[in-house]
């Protein structure tokens, strides 16, 4: 299950820096796969923010298909929007699609690999990733923790335009109340994502036709790029999944 802390952002807080984002967002899921021939579909809403930086809201849909009792395939389109975008700013949306494989050799541990792509006003991006998920799968309350490493390469990067209230690029020493204009483009980026949460199944018999679950989590994403800039984002998400 892949409910997310959505922190794919163009503008990284008060230093007005631009990163190339990961396609998959923060992994928030238990270690179990859906099972051979089984499927699930879900959706979530999330909110995240940087320290002294912008807030973002995002939505995501997830489809999972079991290839075996230990392996599943997933697809997850997502859209993220920067809340502080002004009327003269570039479009503040990021749109992505991630495909992934998840392998669970034992019930409480799984590994993932993924490849995603997307686009925004700053151009396109391509982002591979790999990760590890741990949890205690049971019928009542499933705690989990996940970590993922990613790379993100800009494709045909473009400059984006946005405004802040800071005169300096560092976001400090603002000398007036007038808006200040910035022009930036993304560089090759990399980082890691951490999350922890709980999944609450609303079924107690695996043989039922439909298997709904609720999941909530908190987590963070930590971004770096080839210019040695870095930023962290933190947030939470809630959503649902139905297995069938």
C-alpha atoms as a PDB file:
ATOM      1  CA  UNK A   1       0.000   0.000   0.000  1.00  0.00           C
ATOM      2  CA  UNK A   2       1.427   3.324  -1.027  1.00  0.00           C
ATOM      3  CA  UNK A   3      -0.065   6.345   0.670  1.00  0.00           C
ATOM      4  CA  UNK A   4       2.252   9.232   0.473  1.00  0.00           C
ATOM      5  CA  UNK A   5       3.701  12.260   2.153  1.00  0.00           C
ATOM      6  CA  UNK A   6       3.683  14.459  -0.918  1.00  0.00           C
ATOM      7  CA  UNK A   7       6.722  16.690  -0.940  1.00  0.00           C
ATOM      8  CA  UNK A   8       7.663  17.065  -4.594  1.00  0.00           C
ATOM      9  CA  UNK A   9       8.212  20.811  -4.829  1.00  0.00           C
ATOM     10  CA  UNK A  10       9.767  23.254  -7.246  1.00  0.00           C
ATOM     11  CA  UNK A  11      10.717  26.027  -4.819  1.00  0.00           C
ATOM     12  CA  UNK A  12      12.778  24.881  -1.852  1.00  0.00           C
ATOM     13  CA  UNK A  13      11.927  27.202   1.025  1.00  0.00           C
ATOM     14  CA  UNK A  14      13.412  30.625   1.620  1.00  0.00           C
ATOM     15  CA  UNK A  15      16.635  30.117  -0.385  1.00  0.00           C
ATOM     16  CA  UNK A  16      14.620  30.153  -3.657  1.00  0.00           C
ATOM     17  CA  UNK A  17      16.394  27.054  -4.958  1.00  0.00           C
ATOM     18  CA  UNK A  18      14.906  24.637  -7.522  1.00  0.00           C
ATOM     19  CA  UNK A  19      15.308  20.837  -7.323  1.00  0.00           C
ATOM     20  CA  UNK A  20      14.497  18.060  -9.744  1.00  0.00           C
ATOM     21  CA  UNK A  21      11.938  15.986  -7.795  1.00  0.00           C
ATOM     22  CA  UNK A  22      11.591  12.221  -7.297  1.00  0.00           C
ATOM     23  CA  UNK A  23       8.641  10.667  -9.092  1.00  0.00           C
ATOM     24  CA  UNK A  24       7.527   8.339  -6.342  1.00  0.00           C
ATOM     25  CA  UNK A  25       7.245  10.646  -3.327  1.00  0.00           C
ATOM     26  CA  UNK A  26       7.697   9.332   0.206  1.00  0.00           C
ATOM     27  CA  UNK A  27       6.997   5.581   0.621  1.00  0.00           C
ATOM     28  CA  UNK A  28       4.288   4.956   3.209  1.00  0.00           C
ATOM     29  CA  UNK A  29       3.218   1.328   3.023  1.00  0.00           C
ATOM     30  CA  UNK A  30       3.386  -1.989   4.781  1.00  0.00           C
ATOM     31  CA  UNK A  31       5.765  -4.717   3.630  1.00  0.00           C
ATOM     32  CA  UNK A  32       3.107  -7.196   2.405  1.00  0.00           C
ATOM     33  CA  UNK A  33       2.325  -7.695  -1.284  1.00  0.00           C
ATOM     34  CA  UNK A  34      -1.252  -8.187  -2.476  1.00  0.00           C
ATOM     35  CA  UNK A  35      -0.773 -11.856  -3.458  1.00  0.00           C
ATOM     36  CA  UNK A  36      -0.834 -13.830  -6.700  1.00  0.00           C
ATOM     37  CA  UNK A  37      -3.664 -12.724  -8.980  1.00  0.00           C
ATOM     38  CA  UNK A  38      -4.930 -10.181  -6.432  1.00  0.00           C
ATOM     39  CA  UNK A  39      -5.362  -6.452  -7.031  1.00  0.00           C
ATOM     40  CA  UNK A  40      -5.881  -3.272  -5.041  1.00  0.00           C
ATOM     41  CA  UNK A  41      -6.709   0.367  -5.752  1.00  0.00           C
ATOM     42  CA  UNK A  42      -6.397   3.378  -3.482  1.00  0.00           C
ATOM     43  CA  UNK A  43      -6.145   7.147  -3.211  1.00  0.00           C
ATOM     44  CA  UNK A  44      -4.796   9.654  -0.709  1.00  0.00           C
ATOM     45  CA  UNK A  45      -4.522  13.340   0.153  1.00  0.00           C
ATOM     46  CA  UNK A  46      -1.421  14.781   1.816  1.00  0.00           C
ATOM     47  CA  UNK A  47       0.075  18.029   3.110  1.00  0.00           C
ATOM     48  CA  UNK A  48       3.767  18.818   3.598  1.00  0.00           C
ATOM     49  CA  UNK A  49       5.919  21.848   4.340  1.00  0.00           C
ATOM     50  CA  UNK A  50       9.544  22.923   4.496  1.00  0.00           C
ATOM     51  CA  UNK A  51      10.949  24.695   7.536  1.00  0.00           C
ATOM     52  CA  UNK A  52      10.399  28.416   6.810  1.00  0.00           C
ATOM     53  CA  UNK A  53       9.303  27.382   3.339  1.00  0.00           C
ATOM     54  CA  UNK A  54       6.254  26.664   1.181  1.00  0.00           C
ATOM     55  CA  UNK A  55       3.427  24.253   1.876  1.00  0.00           C
ATOM     56  CA  UNK A  56       2.297  21.768  -0.755  1.00  0.00           C
ATOM     57  CA  UNK A  57      -0.841  19.695  -1.143  1.00  0.00           C
ATOM     58  CA  UNK A  58      -1.034  16.586  -3.256  1.00  0.00           C
ATOM     59  CA  UNK A  59      -3.275  13.790  -4.458  1.00  0.00           C
ATOM     60  CA  UNK A  60      -2.319  10.346  -5.626  1.00  0.00           C
ATOM     61  CA  UNK A  61      -3.944   7.192  -6.972  1.00  0.00           C
ATOM     62  CA  UNK A  62      -2.334   3.744  -6.710  1.00  0.00           C
ATOM     63  CA  UNK A  63      -3.014   0.461  -8.489  1.00  0.00           C
ATOM     64  CA  UNK A  64      -1.275  -2.788  -7.433  1.00  0.00           C
ATOM     65  CA  UNK A  65      -1.315  -6.181  -9.145  1.00  0.00           C
ATOM     66  CA  UNK A  66       0.092  -9.375  -7.642  1.00  0.00           C
ATOM     67  CA  UNK A  67       2.407 -11.305  -9.974  1.00  0.00           C
ATOM     68  CA  UNK A  68       3.062 -13.985  -7.340  1.00  0.00           C
ATOM     69  CA  UNK A  69       2.745 -14.420  -3.578  1.00  0.00           C
ATOM     70  CA  UNK A  70       6.033 -12.535  -3.185  1.00  0.00           C
ATOM     71  CA  UNK A  71       6.072 -10.072  -6.095  1.00  0.00           C
ATOM     72  CA  UNK A  72       3.759  -7.261  -7.202  1.00  0.00           C
ATOM     73  CA  UNK A  73       3.652  -4.549  -9.864  1.00  0.00           C
ATOM     74  CA  UNK A  74       2.301  -1.058  -9.134  1.00  0.00           C
ATOM     75  CA  UNK A  75       1.476   2.170 -10.968  1.00  0.00           C
ATOM     76  CA  UNK A  76       0.894   5.496  -9.214  1.00  0.00           C
ATOM     77  CA  UNK A  77       0.030   8.812 -10.918  1.00  0.00           C
ATOM     78  CA  UNK A  78       0.248  11.899  -8.701  1.00  0.00           C
ATOM     79  CA  UNK A  79      -0.226  15.669  -8.752  1.00  0.00           C
ATOM     80  CA  UNK A  80       1.316  18.138  -6.299  1.00  0.00           C
ATOM     81  CA  UNK A  81       0.607  21.865  -6.010  1.00  0.00           C
ATOM     82  CA  UNK A  82       2.564  24.639  -4.284  1.00  0.00           C
ATOM     83  CA  UNK A  83       0.186  26.649  -2.111  1.00  0.00           C
ATOM     84  CA  UNK A  84       2.094  29.962  -2.072  1.00  0.00           C
ATOM     85  CA  UNK A  85       2.227  30.526  -5.841  1.00  0.00           C
ATOM     86  CA  UNK A  86       1.469  34.125  -6.795  1.00  0.00           C
ATOM     87  CA  UNK A  87      -0.360  35.501  -9.843  1.00  0.00           C
ATOM     88  CA  UNK A  88       2.887  36.203 -11.722  1.00  0.00           C
ATOM     89  CA  UNK A  89       4.575  32.913 -10.881  1.00  0.00           C
ATOM     90  CA  UNK A  90       5.131  29.929 -13.145  1.00  0.00           C
ATOM     91  CA  UNK A  91       2.544  27.167 -12.815  1.00  0.00           C
ATOM     92  CA  UNK A  92       3.051  25.517  -9.402  1.00  0.00           C
ATOM     93  CA  UNK A  93       1.966  21.971 -10.279  1.00  0.00           C
ATOM     94  CA  UNK A  94       4.132  18.843 -10.600  1.00  0.00           C
ATOM     95  CA  UNK A  95       2.644  15.829 -12.395  1.00  0.00           C
ATOM     96  CA  UNK A  96       4.256  12.404 -12.229  1.00  0.00           C
ATOM     97  CA  UNK A  97       3.811   8.692 -12.858  1.00  0.00           C
ATOM     98  CA  UNK A  98       5.825   5.987 -11.082  1.00  0.00           C
ATOM     99  CA  UNK A  99       5.920   2.296 -11.871  1.00  0.00           C
ATOM    100  CA  UNK A 100       7.372  -0.083  -9.308  1.00  0.00           C
ATOM    101  CA  UNK A 101       8.150  -3.676  -8.368  1.00  0.00           C
ATOM    102  CA  UNK A 102       7.903  -4.893  -4.781  1.00  0.00           C
ATOM    103  CA  UNK A 103       9.425  -8.162  -3.550  1.00  0.00           C
ATOM    104  CA  UNK A 104       8.647  -9.626  -0.108  1.00  0.00           C
ATOM    105  CA  UNK A 105      10.842 -12.675   0.649  1.00  0.00           C
ATOM    106  CA  UNK A 106       9.274 -12.934   4.116  1.00  0.00           C
ATOM    107  CA  UNK A 107       6.032 -11.537   5.507  1.00  0.00           C
ATOM    108  CA  UNK A 108       7.468  -8.573   7.441  1.00  0.00           C
ATOM    109  CA  UNK A 109      10.200  -7.319   5.063  1.00  0.00           C
ATOM    110  CA  UNK A 110      10.080  -6.156   1.451  1.00  0.00           C
ATOM    111  CA  UNK A 111      12.280  -4.362  -1.064  1.00  0.00           C
ATOM    112  CA  UNK A 112      11.172  -2.039  -3.854  1.00  0.00           C
ATOM    113  CA  UNK A 113      12.581  -0.681  -7.098  1.00  0.00           C
ATOM    114  CA  UNK A 114      10.874   1.951  -9.192  1.00  0.00           C
ATOM    115  CA  UNK A 115      11.196   4.205 -12.201  1.00  0.00           C
ATOM    116  CA  UNK A 116       9.166   7.339 -12.674  1.00  0.00           C
ATOM    117  CA  UNK A 117       8.871  10.384 -14.877  1.00  0.00           C
ATOM    118  CA  UNK A 118       6.973  13.628 -14.794  1.00  0.00           C
ATOM    119  CA  UNK A 119       6.727  17.234 -15.821  1.00  0.00           C
ATOM    120  CA  UNK A 120       6.270  20.716 -14.404  1.00  0.00           C
ATOM    121  CA  UNK A 121       6.890  24.302 -15.471  1.00  0.00           C
ATOM    122  CA  UNK A 122      10.608  23.558 -14.906  1.00  0.00           C
ATOM    123  CA  UNK A 123      10.598  20.825 -17.585  1.00  0.00           C
ATOM    124  CA  UNK A 124      10.572  17.048 -17.365  1.00  0.00           C
ATOM    125  CA  UNK A 125      12.394  14.648 -15.060  1.00  0.00           C
ATOM    126  CA  UNK A 126      13.317  10.962 -14.857  1.00  0.00           C
ATOM    127  CA  UNK A 127      13.741   9.349 -11.440  1.00  0.00           C
ATOM    128  CA  UNK A 128      14.811   5.786 -10.470  1.00  0.00           C
ATOM    129  CA  UNK A 129      14.638   4.636  -6.837  1.00  0.00           C
ATOM    130  CA  UNK A 130      15.076   1.654  -4.511  1.00  0.00           C
ATOM    131  CA  UNK A 131      13.933   1.102  -0.942  1.00  0.00           C
ATOM    132  CA  UNK A 132      13.214  -1.139   2.038  1.00  0.00           C
ATOM    133  CA  UNK A 133      10.008  -1.542   4.076  1.00  0.00           C
ATOM    134  CA  UNK A 134       9.649  -3.169   7.501  1.00  0.00           C
ATOM    135  CA  UNK A 135       6.412  -3.836   9.374  1.00  0.00           C
ATOM    136  CA  UNK A 136       4.374  -6.184  11.513  1.00  0.00           C
ATOM    137  CA  UNK A 137       1.653  -7.559   9.275  1.00  0.00           C
ATOM    138  CA  UNK A 138      -1.438  -8.757  11.167  1.00  0.00           C
ATOM    139  CA  UNK A 139      -5.240  -8.569  10.945  1.00  0.00           C
ATOM    140  CA  UNK A 140      -5.799  -5.660  13.339  1.00  0.00           C
ATOM    141  CA  UNK A 141      -3.204  -2.840  13.257  1.00  0.00           C
ATOM    142  CA  UNK A 142      -0.099  -2.803  11.041  1.00  0.00           C
ATOM    143  CA  UNK A 143       2.810  -0.539  12.077  1.00  0.00           C
ATOM    144  CA  UNK A 144       5.460   0.046   9.418  1.00  0.00           C
ATOM    145  CA  UNK A 145       8.567   2.053   8.568  1.00  0.00           C
ATOM    146  CA  UNK A 146      10.061   2.644   5.136  1.00  0.00           C
ATOM    147  CA  UNK A 147      13.162   4.198   3.564  1.00  0.00           C
ATOM    148  CA  UNK A 148      13.944   4.943  -0.072  1.00  0.00           C
ATOM    149  CA  UNK A 149      16.900   6.371  -1.992  1.00  0.00           C
ATOM    150  CA  UNK A 150      16.349   8.188  -5.294  1.00  0.00           C
ATOM    151  CA  UNK A 151      18.020  10.043  -8.160  1.00  0.00           C
ATOM    152  CA  UNK A 152      16.304  12.657 -10.320  1.00  0.00           C
ATOM    153  CA  UNK A 153      17.610  13.888 -13.670  1.00  0.00           C
ATOM    154  CA  UNK A 154      16.066  16.971 -15.332  1.00  0.00           C
ATOM    155  CA  UNK A 155      14.951  16.540 -18.932  1.00  0.00           C
ATOM    156  CA  UNK A 156      15.000  19.697 -21.070  1.00  0.00           C
ATOM    157  CA  UNK A 157      15.050  21.924 -17.937  1.00  0.00           C
ATOM    158  CA  UNK A 158      13.464  25.336 -18.205  1.00  0.00           C
ATOM    159  CA  UNK A 159      13.658  28.447 -16.053  1.00  0.00           C
ATOM    160  CA  UNK A 160      10.726  29.097 -13.737  1.00  0.00           C
ATOM    161  CA  UNK A 161       9.702  32.480 -12.368  1.00  0.00           C
ATOM    162  CA  UNK A 162       8.350  33.129  -8.891  1.00  0.00           C
ATOM    163  CA  UNK A 163       8.145  35.859  -6.283  1.00  0.00           C
ATOM    164  CA  UNK A 164       9.086  36.078  -2.606  1.00  0.00           C
ATOM    165  CA  UNK A 165       9.279  38.874  -0.050  1.00  0.00           C
ATOM    166  CA  UNK A 166      13.072  38.463   0.281  1.00  0.00           C
ATOM    167  CA  UNK A 167      15.616  40.733  -1.395  1.00  0.00           C
ATOM    168  CA  UNK A 168      18.475  38.262  -1.036  1.00  0.00           C
ATOM    169  CA  UNK A 169      18.668  34.786  -2.566  1.00  0.00           C
ATOM    170  CA  UNK A 170      19.351  33.434   0.915  1.00  0.00           C
ATOM    171  CA  UNK A 171      15.937  34.650   2.080  1.00  0.00           C
ATOM    172  CA  UNK A 172      17.430  36.964   4.710  1.00  0.00           C
ATOM    173  CA  UNK A 173      17.896  40.734   5.117  1.00  0.00           C
ATOM    174  CA  UNK A 174      14.690  41.772   3.402  1.00  0.00           C
ATOM    175  CA  UNK A 175      14.861  45.544   3.078  1.00  0.00           C
ATOM    176  CA  UNK A 176      11.359  46.370   1.846  1.00  0.00           C
ATOM    177  CA  UNK A 177       7.830  45.012   1.612  1.00  0.00           C
ATOM    178  CA  UNK A 178       7.798  44.789  -2.192  1.00  0.00           C
ATOM    179  CA  UNK A 179       7.782  41.361  -3.859  1.00  0.00           C
ATOM    180  CA  UNK A 180      11.121  40.115  -5.185  1.00  0.00           C
ATOM    181  CA  UNK A 181      11.397  38.174  -8.417  1.00  0.00           C
ATOM    182  CA  UNK A 182      13.484  35.043  -8.981  1.00  0.00           C
ATOM    183  CA  UNK A 183      14.403  32.977 -12.047  1.00  0.00           C
ATOM    184  CA  UNK A 184      15.755  29.456 -11.466  1.00  0.00           C
ATOM    185  CA  UNK A 185      15.990  26.041 -13.145  1.00  0.00           C
ATOM    186  CA  UNK A 186      16.545  22.557 -11.650  1.00  0.00           C
ATOM    187  CA  UNK A 187      19.793  20.582 -11.475  1.00  0.00           C
ATOM    188  CA  UNK A 188      20.476  16.858 -11.096  1.00  0.00           C
ATOM    189  CA  UNK A 189      19.153  15.939  -7.639  1.00  0.00           C
ATOM    190  CA  UNK A 190      19.299  12.995  -5.246  1.00  0.00           C
ATOM    191  CA  UNK A 191      18.224  12.167  -1.716  1.00  0.00           C
ATOM    192  CA  UNK A 192      16.316   9.848   0.562  1.00  0.00           C
ATOM    193  CA  UNK A 193      12.840   9.490   2.043  1.00  0.00           C
ATOM    194  CA  UNK A 194      11.785   8.187   5.460  1.00  0.00           C
ATOM    195  CA  UNK A 195       8.295   7.423   6.765  1.00  0.00           C
ATOM    196  CA  UNK A 196       6.411   5.625   9.501  1.00  0.00           C
ATOM    197  CA  UNK A 197       2.724   4.984  10.029  1.00  0.00           C
ATOM    198  CA  UNK A 198      -0.177   2.650  10.709  1.00  0.00           C
ATOM    199  CA  UNK A 199      -2.526   0.718   8.451  1.00  0.00           C
ATOM    200  CA  UNK A 200      -5.945  -0.207   9.848  1.00  0.00           C
ATOM    201  CA  UNK A 201      -7.666  -3.058   7.964  1.00  0.00           C
ATOM    202  CA  UNK A 202     -11.454  -3.141   8.079  1.00  0.00           C
ATOM    203  CA  UNK A 203     -11.701  -6.857   7.404  1.00  0.00           C
ATOM    204  CA  UNK A 204     -10.654  -9.877   9.441  1.00  0.00           C
ATOM    205  CA  UNK A 205     -11.053 -12.627   6.866  1.00  0.00           C
ATOM    206  CA  UNK A 206      -8.690 -12.687   3.889  1.00  0.00           C
ATOM    207  CA  UNK A 207     -11.271 -14.640   1.878  1.00  0.00           C
ATOM    208  CA  UNK A 208     -13.783 -11.753   1.634  1.00  0.00           C
ATOM    209  CA  UNK A 209     -14.323 -10.221  -1.811  1.00  0.00           C
ATOM    210  CA  UNK A 210     -13.361  -6.637  -0.900  1.00  0.00           C
ATOM    211  CA  UNK A 211     -10.708  -5.721   1.674  1.00  0.00           C
ATOM    212  CA  UNK A 212     -10.734  -2.009   2.643  1.00  0.00           C
ATOM    213  CA  UNK A 213      -8.022  -0.369   4.760  1.00  0.00           C
ATOM    214  CA  UNK A 214      -7.301   3.095   6.157  1.00  0.00           C
ATOM    215  CA  UNK A 215      -3.721   4.328   6.493  1.00  0.00           C
ATOM    216  CA  UNK A 216      -2.128   7.429   8.045  1.00  0.00           C
ATOM    217  CA  UNK A 217       1.553   8.296   8.248  1.00  0.00           C
ATOM    218  CA  UNK A 218       4.170  10.960   8.860  1.00  0.00           C
ATOM    219  CA  UNK A 219       7.494  11.306   7.095  1.00  0.00           C
ATOM    220  CA  UNK A 220      10.062  13.445   5.375  1.00  0.00           C
ATOM    221  CA  UNK A 221      12.068  13.851   2.220  1.00  0.00           C
ATOM    222  CA  UNK A 222      15.635  15.171   2.086  1.00  0.00           C
ATOM    223  CA  UNK A 223      16.858  16.665  -1.189  1.00  0.00           C
ATOM    224  CA  UNK A 224      20.375  17.517  -2.400  1.00  0.00           C
ATOM    225  CA  UNK A 225      21.723  18.499  -5.802  1.00  0.00           C
ATOM    226  CA  UNK A 226      24.970  18.969  -7.711  1.00  0.00           C
ATOM    227  CA  UNK A 227      25.256  22.610  -6.612  1.00  0.00           C
ATOM    228  CA  UNK A 228      25.530  21.386  -2.969  1.00  0.00           C
ATOM    229  CA  UNK A 229      22.154  22.863  -1.994  1.00  0.00           C
ATOM    230  CA  UNK A 230      20.012  20.814   0.419  1.00  0.00           C
ATOM    231  CA  UNK A 231      16.512  20.955   1.880  1.00  0.00           C
ATOM    232  CA  UNK A 232      14.142  18.895   4.029  1.00  0.00           C
ATOM    233  CA  UNK A 233      10.352  18.627   3.944  1.00  0.00           C
ATOM    234  CA  UNK A 234       8.009  17.089   6.506  1.00  0.00           C
ATOM    235  CA  UNK A 235       4.312  16.228   6.474  1.00  0.00           C
ATOM    236  CA  UNK A 236       1.509  13.734   6.846  1.00  0.00           C
ATOM    237  CA  UNK A 237      -1.090  11.906   4.770  1.00  0.00           C
ATOM    238  CA  UNK A 238      -4.240   9.841   5.065  1.00  0.00           C
ATOM    239  CA  UNK A 239      -5.935   7.680   2.503  1.00  0.00           C
ATOM    240  CA  UNK A 240      -7.642   4.376   1.778  1.00  0.00           C
ATOM    241  CA  UNK A 241      -7.100   1.194  -0.206  1.00  0.00           C
ATOM    242  CA  UNK A 242      -9.471  -1.557  -1.332  1.00  0.00           C
ATOM    243  CA  UNK A 243      -8.145  -4.989  -2.204  1.00  0.00           C
ATOM    244  CA  UNK A 244     -10.122  -7.216  -4.539  1.00  0.00           C
END
